[in-house]
Amino acid sequence: MRFNLKASGMPKFALALILFANFGPPIYWGSTGASMSALLAWSAGIAAFAVVMGWRHIGKGIVVSVWTGMCLAAAANVPIYVLGRFLATL
């Protein structure tokens, strides 16, 4: 199986919005003790926003792109959420 590392472009403002959204709410939810389901729903929302704004796997469907984006967003959000939990206990 060959991997194609090219992806379609995304507007720069959308990328900045996604990066801002990845750091703000998860650390707040971790510090307030919100459940992990809120974090995973937020990751799904970020992934759907990224796909709507134009980030997609070339040659793959929208579902695969959303699934990949959700996994990447969760991988970024979970450590930030745990950091928020840790900072709340200090």
C-alpha atoms as a PDB file:
ATOM      1  CA  MET A   1       0.000   0.000   0.000  1.00  0.00           C
ATOM      2  CA  ARG A   2       1.357   3.407  -0.977  1.00  0.00           C
ATOM      3  CA  PHE A   3       0.763   6.518   1.067  1.00  0.00           C
ATOM      4  CA  ASN A   4       0.104   9.834  -0.585  1.00  0.00           C
ATOM      5  CA  LEU A   5       1.378  12.595   1.700  1.00  0.00           C
ATOM      6  CA  LYS A   6      -0.205  15.446  -0.229  1.00  0.00           C
ATOM      7  CA  ALA A   7      -3.303  17.112   1.143  1.00  0.00           C
ATOM      8  CA  SER A   8      -5.473  19.890  -0.142  1.00  0.00           C
ATOM      9  CA  GLY A   9      -4.954  23.406   1.144  1.00  0.00           C
ATOM     10  CA  MET A  10      -6.731  25.093   4.029  1.00  0.00           C
ATOM     11  CA  PRO A  11      -7.180  28.830   4.465  1.00  0.00           C
ATOM     12  CA  LYS A  12      -4.682  30.297   6.933  1.00  0.00           C
ATOM     13  CA  PHE A  13      -7.338  31.846   9.167  1.00  0.00           C
ATOM     14  CA  ALA A  14      -8.998  28.443   9.585  1.00  0.00           C
ATOM     15  CA  LEU A  15      -5.706  26.910  10.673  1.00  0.00           C
ATOM     16  CA  ALA A  16      -5.176  29.690  13.217  1.00  0.00           C
ATOM     17  CA  LEU A  17      -8.732  29.228  14.525  1.00  0.00           C
ATOM     18  CA  ILE A  18      -8.222  25.480  14.928  1.00  0.00           C
ATOM     19  CA  LEU A  19      -4.947  25.983  16.800  1.00  0.00           C
ATOM     20  CA  PHE A  20      -6.596  28.500  19.134  1.00  0.00           C
ATOM     21  CA  ALA A  21      -9.535  26.151  19.691  1.00  0.00           C
ATOM     22  CA  ASN A  22      -7.179  23.288  20.522  1.00  0.00           C
ATOM     23  CA  PHE A  23      -5.558  25.076  23.465  1.00  0.00           C
ATOM     24  CA  GLY A  24      -8.309  27.128  25.096  1.00  0.00           C
ATOM     25  CA  PRO A  25     -11.311  24.939  25.909  1.00  0.00           C
ATOM     26  CA  PRO A  26      -9.514  21.655  26.769  1.00  0.00           C
ATOM     27  CA  ILE A  27      -7.363  23.219  29.483  1.00  0.00           C
ATOM     28  CA  TYR A  28     -10.432  25.006  30.871  1.00  0.00           C
ATOM     29  CA  TRP A  29     -12.480  21.797  30.879  1.00  0.00           C
ATOM     30  CA  GLY A  30      -9.666  19.946  32.577  1.00  0.00           C
ATOM     31  CA  SER A  31      -9.419  22.554  35.308  1.00  0.00           C
ATOM     32  CA  THR A  32     -13.174  22.592  35.923  1.00  0.00           C
ATOM     33  CA  GLY A  33     -13.517  18.814  35.969  1.00  0.00           C
ATOM     34  CA  ALA A  34     -15.679  18.415  32.866  1.00  0.00           C
ATOM     35  CA  SER A  35     -16.074  14.907  31.514  1.00  0.00           C
ATOM     36  CA  MET A  36     -13.896  13.408  28.819  1.00  0.00           C
ATOM     37  CA  SER A  37     -16.922  13.110  26.519  1.00  0.00           C
ATOM     38  CA  ALA A  38     -16.999  16.905  26.159  1.00  0.00           C
ATOM     39  CA  LEU A  39     -13.389  16.786  25.024  1.00  0.00           C
ATOM     40  CA  LEU A  40     -14.048  14.044  22.473  1.00  0.00           C
ATOM     41  CA  ALA A  41     -17.097  15.880  21.122  1.00  0.00           C
ATOM     42  CA  TRP A  42     -14.930  19.006  20.796  1.00  0.00           C
ATOM     43  CA  SER A  43     -12.346  16.962  18.863  1.00  0.00           C
ATOM     44  CA  ALA A  44     -15.073  15.756  16.492  1.00  0.00           C
ATOM     45  CA  GLY A  45     -16.232  19.339  15.990  1.00  0.00           C
ATOM     46  CA  ILE A  46     -12.718  20.530  15.234  1.00  0.00           C
ATOM     47  CA  ALA A  47     -12.260  17.707  12.720  1.00  0.00           C
ATOM     48  CA  ALA A  48     -15.557  18.467  10.994  1.00  0.00           C
ATOM     49  CA  PHE A  49     -14.634  22.168  10.807  1.00  0.00           C
ATOM     50  CA  ALA A  50     -11.265  21.314   9.264  1.00  0.00           C
ATOM     51  CA  VAL A  51     -12.866  19.114   6.611  1.00  0.00           C
ATOM     52  CA  VAL A  52     -15.491  21.760   5.790  1.00  0.00           C
ATOM     53  CA  MET A  53     -12.704  24.348   5.423  1.00  0.00           C
ATOM     54  CA  GLY A  54     -10.892  22.204   2.877  1.00  0.00           C
ATOM     55  CA  TRP A  55      -8.542  19.798   4.661  1.00  0.00           C
ATOM     56  CA  ARG A  56      -9.022  16.363   3.126  1.00  0.00           C
ATOM     57  CA  HIS A  57      -7.043  13.296   2.236  1.00  0.00           C
ATOM     58  CA  ILE A  58      -6.578  13.230  -1.505  1.00  0.00           C
ATOM     59  CA  GLY A  59      -8.272  10.163  -2.915  1.00  0.00           C
ATOM     60  CA  LYS A  60     -10.106   9.398   0.334  1.00  0.00           C
ATOM     61  CA  GLY A  61     -13.647  10.215   1.331  1.00  0.00           C
ATOM     62  CA  ILE A  62     -14.966  12.778   3.747  1.00  0.00           C
ATOM     63  CA  VAL A  63     -15.573  10.155   6.443  1.00  0.00           C
ATOM     64  CA  VAL A  64     -11.927   9.053   6.407  1.00  0.00           C
ATOM     65  CA  SER A  65     -10.802  12.680   6.561  1.00  0.00           C
ATOM     66  CA  VAL A  66     -13.073  13.445   9.531  1.00  0.00           C
ATOM     67  CA  TRP A  67     -11.977  10.262  11.329  1.00  0.00           C
ATOM     68  CA  THR A  68      -8.294  11.088  10.841  1.00  0.00           C
ATOM     69  CA  GLY A  69      -8.825  14.679  11.927  1.00  0.00           C
ATOM     70  CA  MET A  70     -10.731  13.543  15.008  1.00  0.00           C
ATOM     71  CA  CYS A  71      -7.912  11.197  16.025  1.00  0.00           C
ATOM     72  CA  LEU A  72      -5.314  13.939  15.525  1.00  0.00           C
ATOM     73  CA  ALA A  73      -7.388  16.480  17.462  1.00  0.00           C
ATOM     74  CA  ALA A  74      -7.956  14.019  20.307  1.00  0.00           C
ATOM     75  CA  ALA A  75      -4.236  13.248  20.420  1.00  0.00           C
ATOM     76  CA  ALA A  76      -3.568  16.969  20.833  1.00  0.00           C
ATOM     77  CA  ASN A  77      -6.470  17.699  23.213  1.00  0.00           C
ATOM     78  CA  VAL A  78      -6.129  14.868  25.739  1.00  0.00           C
ATOM     79  CA  PRO A  79      -2.679  15.921  27.062  1.00  0.00           C
ATOM     80  CA  ILE A  80      -3.894  19.533  27.327  1.00  0.00           C
ATOM     81  CA  TYR A  81      -6.979  18.332  29.235  1.00  0.00           C
ATOM     82  CA  VAL A  82      -4.771  16.320  31.607  1.00  0.00           C
ATOM     83  CA  LEU A  83      -2.570  19.394  32.097  1.00  0.00           C
ATOM     84  CA  GLY A  84      -5.666  21.378  33.062  1.00  0.00           C
ATOM     85  CA  ARG A  85      -6.602  18.666  35.582  1.00  0.00           C
ATOM     86  CA  PHE A  86      -3.086  18.799  37.025  1.00  0.00           C
ATOM     87  CA  LEU A  87      -3.073  22.593  37.276  1.00  0.00           C
ATOM     88  CA  ALA A  88      -6.431  22.509  39.094  1.00  0.00           C
ATOM     89  CA  THR A  89      -4.948  20.346  41.840  1.00  0.00           C
ATOM     90  CA  LEU A  90      -2.075  22.753  42.563  1.00  0.00           C
END
